[in-house]
């Protein structure tokens, strides 16, 4: 597999197209209450540090889901397109939107909010929300 990975994806109806450049094929599972409410379960996403190229932006809607983040979706079919940090060039793209089968479930975040009725089978990196935010701020050189 050559890096960076270039992956194409689209919403359910095809009105919004995404072209993403990824540093790796790692998938993260977010168990936070907001992601579970948004997606109906844990959000399984790949991370982009460069904004994806979005075609069909007339169908793109963005919702400010917190003081620090926004979520994009298709106004025609409702497909969830991305979670992005407002202050950073960080996008989490639901992995099911993108082409490819070589994904690796690599980490879980907000494990303290994971409900008891589901779990993933194999061992991986597991972080609390506080640990995930501390790591993200350390990577981008920001302070709380």
N, C-alpha and C. Protein backbone atom coordinates (compact mmCIF):
# COMPACT_ATOMS: atom_id res chain seq x y z
N UNK A 1 0.85 -1.17 0.00
CA UNK A 1 0.00 0.00 0.00
C UNK A 1 0.90 1.24 0.00
N UNK A 2 0.70 2.12 -0.98
CA UNK A 2 1.51 3.33 -1.03
C UNK A 2 0.80 4.46 -0.28
N UNK A 3 1.59 5.27 0.35
CA UNK A 3 1.05 6.40 1.13
C UNK A 3 1.46 7.70 0.47
N UNK A 4 0.71 8.76 0.58
CA UNK A 4 -0.60 8.81 1.19
C UNK A 4 -1.64 8.08 0.34
N UNK A 5 -2.72 7.67 1.00
CA UNK A 5 -3.81 7.00 0.31
C UNK A 5 -4.76 8.04 -0.26
N UNK A 6 -5.13 7.88 -1.49
CA UNK A 6 -6.13 8.74 -2.12
C UNK A 6 -7.39 7.91 -2.24
N UNK A 7 -8.47 8.37 -1.61
CA UNK A 7 -9.72 7.60 -1.62
C UNK A 7 -10.88 8.49 -2.04
N UNK A 8 -11.78 7.89 -2.80
CA UNK A 8 -12.98 8.58 -3.26
C UNK A 8 -14.17 8.01 -2.50
N UNK A 9 -15.14 8.85 -2.24
CA UNK A 9 -16.37 8.41 -1.61
C UNK A 9 -17.51 9.31 -2.01
N UNK A 10 -18.70 8.90 -1.60
CA UNK A 10 -19.87 9.71 -1.90
C UNK A 10 -20.98 9.40 -0.92
N UNK A 11 -21.97 10.30 -0.91
CA UNK A 11 -23.14 10.08 -0.08
C UNK A 11 -24.02 9.02 -0.74
N UNK A 12 -25.08 8.64 -0.07
CA UNK A 12 -25.97 7.59 -0.55
C UNK A 12 -26.59 7.91 -1.90
N UNK A 13 -27.00 9.17 -2.10
CA UNK A 13 -27.66 9.54 -3.37
C UNK A 13 -26.67 10.00 -4.43
N UNK A 14 -25.40 10.21 -4.07
CA UNK A 14 -24.38 10.62 -5.03
C UNK A 14 -24.30 12.12 -5.25
N UNK A 15 -25.11 12.91 -4.55
CA UNK A 15 -25.09 14.36 -4.73
C UNK A 15 -23.80 14.99 -4.23
N UNK A 16 -23.19 14.41 -3.18
CA UNK A 16 -21.94 14.93 -2.64
C UNK A 16 -20.85 13.89 -2.85
N UNK A 17 -19.74 14.31 -3.41
CA UNK A 17 -18.58 13.47 -3.67
C UNK A 17 -17.43 13.94 -2.78
N UNK A 18 -16.64 13.00 -2.27
CA UNK A 18 -15.47 13.33 -1.44
C UNK A 18 -14.23 12.69 -2.05
N UNK A 19 -13.15 13.45 -2.13
CA UNK A 19 -11.85 12.90 -2.47
C UNK A 19 -10.93 13.23 -1.31
N UNK A 20 -10.41 12.18 -0.68
CA UNK A 20 -9.64 12.33 0.55
C UNK A 20 -8.21 11.85 0.35
N UNK A 21 -7.30 12.52 1.02
CA UNK A 21 -5.90 12.09 1.07
C UNK A 21 -5.63 11.72 2.53
N UNK A 22 -5.28 10.46 2.74
CA UNK A 22 -5.10 9.91 4.08
C UNK A 22 -3.65 9.52 4.30
N UNK A 23 -3.16 9.70 5.52
CA UNK A 23 -1.79 9.31 5.86
C UNK A 23 -1.66 7.82 6.12
N UNK A 24 -2.78 7.15 6.42
CA UNK A 24 -2.75 5.73 6.72
C UNK A 24 -4.15 5.14 6.55
N UNK A 25 -4.28 3.85 6.76
CA UNK A 25 -5.56 3.15 6.63
C UNK A 25 -6.16 2.83 7.99
N UNK A 26 -5.82 3.60 9.01
CA UNK A 26 -6.29 3.34 10.37
C UNK A 26 -7.70 3.87 10.57
N UNK A 27 -8.54 3.06 11.14
CA UNK A 27 -9.92 3.42 11.47
C UNK A 27 -10.01 3.57 12.99
N UNK A 28 -10.67 4.63 13.43
CA UNK A 28 -10.92 4.85 14.85
C UNK A 28 -12.42 4.70 15.10
N UNK A 29 -12.75 4.19 16.26
CA UNK A 29 -14.14 4.11 16.70
C UNK A 29 -14.34 5.12 17.82
N UNK A 30 -15.32 6.00 17.64
CA UNK A 30 -15.64 6.97 18.70
C UNK A 30 -16.94 6.54 19.37
N UNK A 31 -16.88 6.42 20.70
CA UNK A 31 -18.02 5.97 21.48
C UNK A 31 -18.75 7.12 22.17
N UNK A 32 -18.38 8.38 21.88
CA UNK A 32 -19.03 9.49 22.59
C UNK A 32 -20.52 9.52 22.29
N UNK A 33 -21.25 10.08 23.20
CA UNK A 33 -22.71 10.12 23.07
C UNK A 33 -23.14 10.85 21.80
N UNK A 34 -22.45 11.94 21.45
CA UNK A 34 -22.83 12.70 20.26
C UNK A 34 -22.64 11.87 19.00
N UNK A 35 -21.50 11.18 18.86
CA UNK A 35 -21.28 10.33 17.69
C UNK A 35 -22.29 9.20 17.63
N UNK A 36 -22.60 8.61 18.78
CA UNK A 36 -23.59 7.52 18.79
C UNK A 36 -24.97 8.03 18.40
N UNK A 37 -25.33 9.21 18.85
CA UNK A 37 -26.62 9.79 18.48
C UNK A 37 -26.63 10.12 16.98
N UNK A 38 -25.51 10.63 16.46
CA UNK A 38 -25.41 11.03 15.06
C UNK A 38 -25.45 9.82 14.13
N UNK A 39 -24.75 8.75 14.50
CA UNK A 39 -24.60 7.63 13.58
C UNK A 39 -25.42 6.39 13.98
N UNK A 40 -26.02 6.38 15.14
CA UNK A 40 -26.77 5.22 15.58
C UNK A 40 -25.92 4.14 16.22
N UNK A 41 -24.65 4.40 16.40
CA UNK A 41 -23.70 3.47 17.00
C UNK A 41 -22.36 4.16 17.05
N UNK A 42 -21.29 3.45 17.31
CA UNK A 42 -19.99 4.11 17.32
C UNK A 42 -19.66 4.64 15.93
N UNK A 43 -19.04 5.81 15.87
CA UNK A 43 -18.60 6.36 14.58
C UNK A 43 -17.29 5.68 14.21
N UNK A 44 -17.26 5.01 13.07
CA UNK A 44 -16.05 4.38 12.55
C UNK A 44 -15.52 5.29 11.46
N UNK A 45 -14.37 5.91 11.70
CA UNK A 45 -13.90 6.96 10.81
C UNK A 45 -12.40 6.89 10.57
N UNK A 46 -12.00 7.45 9.43
CA UNK A 46 -10.59 7.66 9.11
C UNK A 46 -10.31 9.15 9.25
N UNK A 47 -9.07 9.49 9.55
CA UNK A 47 -8.71 10.88 9.81
C UNK A 47 -7.98 11.49 8.63
N UNK A 48 -8.38 12.72 8.31
CA UNK A 48 -7.72 13.51 7.26
C UNK A 48 -7.16 14.76 7.91
N UNK A 49 -5.92 15.07 7.66
CA UNK A 49 -5.36 16.33 8.15
C UNK A 49 -5.43 17.41 7.08
N UNK A 50 -5.76 17.01 5.86
CA UNK A 50 -6.03 17.96 4.79
C UNK A 50 -7.52 17.92 4.49
N UNK A 51 -8.14 19.06 4.27
CA UNK A 51 -9.57 19.03 3.96
C UNK A 51 -9.84 18.18 2.72
N UNK A 52 -10.89 17.37 2.75
CA UNK A 52 -11.23 16.61 1.55
C UNK A 52 -11.72 17.56 0.46
N UNK A 53 -11.53 17.16 -0.78
CA UNK A 53 -12.09 17.91 -1.90
C UNK A 53 -13.55 17.47 -2.01
N UNK A 54 -14.45 18.43 -1.94
CA UNK A 54 -15.88 18.11 -1.91
C UNK A 54 -16.54 18.62 -3.18
N UNK A 55 -17.16 17.70 -3.91
CA UNK A 55 -17.95 18.05 -5.08
C UNK A 55 -19.42 17.98 -4.73
N UNK A 56 -20.23 18.82 -5.34
CA UNK A 56 -21.65 18.85 -5.00
C UNK A 56 -21.91 19.63 -3.74
N UNK A 57 -21.10 20.66 -3.50
CA UNK A 57 -21.21 21.40 -2.24
C UNK A 57 -22.54 22.13 -2.08
N UNK A 58 -23.34 22.25 -3.15
CA UNK A 58 -24.66 22.85 -3.00
C UNK A 58 -25.57 21.94 -2.16
N UNK A 59 -25.27 20.65 -2.08
CA UNK A 59 -26.04 19.71 -1.26
C UNK A 59 -25.42 19.52 0.13
N UNK A 60 -24.29 20.15 0.38
CA UNK A 60 -23.59 20.00 1.66
C UNK A 60 -24.21 20.91 2.71
N UNK A 61 -24.55 20.35 3.84
CA UNK A 61 -25.03 21.11 5.00
C UNK A 61 -24.07 20.86 6.15
N UNK A 62 -23.86 21.86 6.99
CA UNK A 62 -22.95 21.75 8.12
C UNK A 62 -23.69 22.15 9.38
N UNK A 63 -23.53 21.34 10.43
CA UNK A 63 -24.15 21.60 11.73
C UNK A 63 -23.05 21.79 12.77
N UNK A 64 -23.09 22.88 13.52
CA UNK A 64 -22.14 23.10 14.62
C UNK A 64 -22.60 22.24 15.79
N UNK A 65 -21.94 21.10 15.99
CA UNK A 65 -22.37 20.15 17.02
C UNK A 65 -21.79 20.45 18.40
N UNK A 66 -20.81 21.35 18.46
CA UNK A 66 -20.22 21.77 19.73
C UNK A 66 -19.48 23.08 19.49
N UNK A 67 -18.88 23.61 20.54
CA UNK A 67 -18.09 24.85 20.39
C UNK A 67 -16.85 24.63 19.53
N UNK A 68 -16.37 23.40 19.45
CA UNK A 68 -15.11 23.13 18.77
C UNK A 68 -15.25 22.31 17.48
N UNK A 69 -16.44 21.80 17.17
CA UNK A 69 -16.55 20.89 16.03
C UNK A 69 -17.83 21.10 15.23
N UNK A 70 -17.77 20.64 13.98
CA UNK A 70 -18.91 20.69 13.07
C UNK A 70 -19.06 19.32 12.40
N UNK A 71 -20.28 19.04 11.95
CA UNK A 71 -20.57 17.80 11.26
C UNK A 71 -21.26 18.12 9.94
N UNK A 72 -20.77 17.49 8.87
CA UNK A 72 -21.34 17.72 7.55
C UNK A 72 -22.22 16.57 7.13
N UNK A 73 -23.27 16.90 6.37
CA UNK A 73 -24.17 15.88 5.87
C UNK A 73 -24.79 16.33 4.55
N UNK A 74 -25.32 15.39 3.79
CA UNK A 74 -25.97 15.69 2.52
C UNK A 74 -27.40 16.16 2.80
N UNK A 75 -27.77 17.30 2.22
CA UNK A 75 -29.12 17.83 2.43
C UNK A 75 -30.19 17.04 1.67
N UNK A 76 -29.77 16.20 0.72
CA UNK A 76 -30.74 15.41 -0.04
C UNK A 76 -31.05 14.07 0.62
N UNK A 77 -30.02 13.32 0.98
CA UNK A 77 -30.25 11.97 1.51
C UNK A 77 -29.90 11.83 2.99
N UNK A 78 -29.24 12.84 3.58
CA UNK A 78 -28.92 12.80 5.01
C UNK A 78 -27.65 12.07 5.38
N UNK A 79 -26.90 11.56 4.40
CA UNK A 79 -25.67 10.82 4.70
C UNK A 79 -24.70 11.68 5.49
N UNK A 80 -24.11 11.08 6.52
CA UNK A 80 -23.09 11.75 7.32
C UNK A 80 -21.79 11.77 6.54
N UNK A 81 -21.20 12.95 6.36
CA UNK A 81 -20.04 13.10 5.50
C UNK A 81 -18.74 13.33 6.24
N UNK A 82 -18.78 14.09 7.34
CA UNK A 82 -17.56 14.34 8.10
C UNK A 82 -17.87 14.95 9.45
N UNK A 83 -16.89 14.81 10.32
CA UNK A 83 -16.78 15.54 11.59
C UNK A 83 -15.51 16.34 11.42
N UNK A 84 -15.53 17.63 11.74
CA UNK A 84 -14.30 18.41 11.63
C UNK A 84 -14.16 19.35 12.81
N UNK A 85 -12.90 19.54 13.20
CA UNK A 85 -12.57 20.51 14.23
C UNK A 85 -12.57 21.89 13.61
N UNK A 86 -13.14 22.85 14.29
CA UNK A 86 -13.22 24.22 13.75
C UNK A 86 -11.86 24.89 13.68
N UNK A 87 -10.98 24.63 14.66
CA UNK A 87 -9.71 25.35 14.76
C UNK A 87 -8.54 24.63 14.10
N UNK A 88 -8.73 23.41 13.66
CA UNK A 88 -7.63 22.61 13.12
C UNK A 88 -8.01 22.06 11.75
N UNK A 89 -7.04 21.72 10.96
CA UNK A 89 -7.34 21.03 9.70
C UNK A 89 -7.51 19.54 9.93
N UNK A 90 -8.49 19.16 10.74
CA UNK A 90 -8.71 17.76 11.09
C UNK A 90 -10.13 17.36 10.70
N UNK A 91 -10.24 16.33 9.87
CA UNK A 91 -11.52 15.79 9.46
C UNK A 91 -11.56 14.31 9.80
N UNK A 92 -12.69 13.85 10.32
CA UNK A 92 -12.95 12.43 10.49
C UNK A 92 -14.04 12.07 9.49
N UNK A 93 -13.73 11.16 8.59
CA UNK A 93 -14.64 10.76 7.51
C UNK A 93 -15.17 9.37 7.83
N UNK A 94 -16.49 9.17 7.86
CA UNK A 94 -17.00 7.82 8.08
C UNK A 94 -16.42 6.86 7.03
N UNK A 95 -15.78 5.82 7.48
CA UNK A 95 -15.04 4.92 6.60
C UNK A 95 -15.94 4.24 5.58
N UNK A 96 -17.19 4.04 5.91
CA UNK A 96 -18.11 3.38 4.98
C UNK A 96 -18.40 4.18 3.72
N UNK A 97 -18.09 5.46 3.72
CA UNK A 97 -18.29 6.29 2.53
C UNK A 97 -17.22 6.07 1.48
N UNK A 98 -16.05 5.60 1.91
CA UNK A 98 -14.88 5.57 1.05
C UNK A 98 -14.65 4.21 0.42
N UNK A 99 -14.07 4.22 -0.78
CA UNK A 99 -13.69 2.99 -1.45
C UNK A 99 -12.54 2.34 -0.71
N UNK A 100 -12.40 1.05 -0.89
CA UNK A 100 -11.27 0.33 -0.29
C UNK A 100 -11.72 -0.64 0.77
N UNK A 101 -10.92 -1.68 0.92
CA UNK A 101 -11.19 -2.73 1.90
C UNK A 101 -10.00 -2.97 2.82
N UNK A 102 -8.95 -2.18 2.68
CA UNK A 102 -7.72 -2.44 3.42
C UNK A 102 -7.63 -1.67 4.74
N UNK A 103 -8.77 -1.37 5.34
CA UNK A 103 -8.81 -0.60 6.58
C UNK A 103 -8.42 -1.47 7.76
N UNK A 104 -7.88 -0.83 8.81
CA UNK A 104 -7.47 -1.52 10.03
C UNK A 104 -8.06 -0.78 11.22
N UNK A 105 -8.93 -1.46 12.00
CA UNK A 105 -9.47 -0.84 13.21
C UNK A 105 -8.34 -0.73 14.20
N UNK A 106 -7.95 0.48 14.50
CA UNK A 106 -6.70 0.78 15.19
C UNK A 106 -6.90 1.33 16.60
N UNK A 107 -7.98 2.08 16.82
CA UNK A 107 -8.15 2.70 18.14
C UNK A 107 -9.62 2.98 18.43
N UNK A 108 -9.88 3.18 19.72
CA UNK A 108 -11.20 3.57 20.20
C UNK A 108 -11.01 4.77 21.11
N UNK A 109 -11.93 5.74 21.00
CA UNK A 109 -11.87 6.91 21.87
C UNK A 109 -13.20 7.10 22.59
N UNK A 110 -13.14 7.86 23.68
CA UNK A 110 -14.29 8.08 24.56
C UNK A 110 -14.80 6.75 25.10
N UNK A 111 -13.85 5.92 25.53
CA UNK A 111 -14.23 4.59 26.02
C UNK A 111 -15.07 4.67 27.30
N UNK A 112 -14.96 5.78 28.03
CA UNK A 112 -15.76 5.93 29.24
C UNK A 112 -17.25 6.13 28.92
N UNK A 113 -17.57 6.45 27.66
CA UNK A 113 -18.97 6.64 27.26
C UNK A 113 -19.52 5.45 26.48
N UNK A 114 -18.69 4.42 26.29
CA UNK A 114 -19.14 3.24 25.55
C UNK A 114 -20.19 2.50 26.36
N UNK A 115 -21.35 2.22 25.77
CA UNK A 115 -22.36 1.45 26.50
C UNK A 115 -21.92 0.00 26.67
N UNK A 116 -22.47 -0.65 27.65
CA UNK A 116 -22.08 -2.03 27.97
C UNK A 116 -22.63 -3.04 26.96
N UNK A 117 -23.58 -2.67 26.13
CA UNK A 117 -24.25 -3.64 25.26
C UNK A 117 -23.50 -3.96 23.98
N UNK A 118 -22.35 -3.35 23.71
CA UNK A 118 -21.53 -3.76 22.57
C UNK A 118 -20.06 -3.61 22.91
N UNK A 119 -19.22 -4.37 22.20
CA UNK A 119 -17.76 -4.24 22.31
C UNK A 119 -17.13 -4.84 21.06
N UNK A 120 -15.92 -4.41 20.76
CA UNK A 120 -15.18 -4.94 19.63
C UNK A 120 -14.31 -6.09 20.13
N UNK A 121 -14.10 -7.07 19.27
CA UNK A 121 -13.46 -8.31 19.65
C UNK A 121 -11.98 -8.28 19.94
N UNK A 122 -11.19 -7.52 19.20
CA UNK A 122 -9.75 -7.62 19.42
C UNK A 122 -9.19 -6.39 20.12
N UNK A 123 -8.01 -6.57 20.62
CA UNK A 123 -7.34 -5.54 21.39
C UNK A 123 -6.85 -4.43 20.47
N UNK A 124 -6.96 -3.21 20.92
CA UNK A 124 -6.46 -2.04 20.19
C UNK A 124 -6.24 -0.92 21.20
N UNK A 125 -5.75 0.18 20.74
CA UNK A 125 -5.52 1.35 21.58
C UNK A 125 -6.85 1.93 22.04
N UNK A 126 -7.02 2.11 23.33
CA UNK A 126 -8.28 2.62 23.89
C UNK A 126 -7.99 3.85 24.74
N UNK A 127 -8.64 4.98 24.40
CA UNK A 127 -8.39 6.25 25.09
C UNK A 127 -9.70 6.82 25.63
N UNK A 128 -9.61 7.47 26.78
CA UNK A 128 -10.76 8.24 27.27
C UNK A 128 -10.86 9.51 26.43
N UNK A 129 -11.94 10.24 26.59
CA UNK A 129 -12.08 11.51 25.88
C UNK A 129 -10.99 12.49 26.26
N UNK A 130 -10.68 12.56 27.55
CA UNK A 130 -9.62 13.48 28.02
C UNK A 130 -8.27 13.10 27.42
N UNK A 131 -7.97 11.80 27.35
CA UNK A 131 -6.71 11.36 26.75
C UNK A 131 -6.66 11.67 25.26
N UNK A 132 -7.78 11.49 24.56
CA UNK A 132 -7.83 11.78 23.12
C UNK A 132 -7.62 13.27 22.86
N UNK A 133 -8.27 14.14 23.65
CA UNK A 133 -8.08 15.58 23.47
C UNK A 133 -6.66 16.00 23.82
N UNK A 134 -6.10 15.46 24.90
CA UNK A 134 -4.72 15.80 25.27
C UNK A 134 -3.75 15.40 24.17
N UNK A 135 -3.96 14.24 23.59
CA UNK A 135 -3.09 13.78 22.50
C UNK A 135 -3.25 14.67 21.26
N UNK A 136 -4.46 15.03 20.93
CA UNK A 136 -4.70 15.89 19.76
C UNK A 136 -4.05 17.26 19.95
N UNK A 137 -4.17 17.84 21.14
CA UNK A 137 -3.56 19.15 21.39
C UNK A 137 -2.06 19.05 21.38
N UNK A 138 -1.50 17.95 21.88
CA UNK A 138 -0.04 17.78 21.87
C UNK A 138 0.48 17.67 20.43
N UNK A 139 -0.25 16.97 19.57
CA UNK A 139 0.16 16.81 18.17
C UNK A 139 0.15 18.14 17.42
N UNK A 140 -0.78 19.01 17.78
CA UNK A 140 -0.92 20.28 17.06
C UNK A 140 -0.29 21.43 17.81
N UNK A 141 0.38 21.15 18.92
CA UNK A 141 1.10 22.18 19.65
C UNK A 141 0.24 23.20 20.35
N UNK A 142 -0.99 22.83 20.70
CA UNK A 142 -1.89 23.75 21.38
C UNK A 142 -1.98 23.44 22.85
N UNK A 143 -2.38 24.44 23.59
CA UNK A 143 -2.58 24.29 25.01
C UNK A 143 -4.07 24.36 25.31
N UNK A 144 -4.50 23.74 26.39
CA UNK A 144 -5.89 23.81 26.82
C UNK A 144 -6.22 25.17 27.36
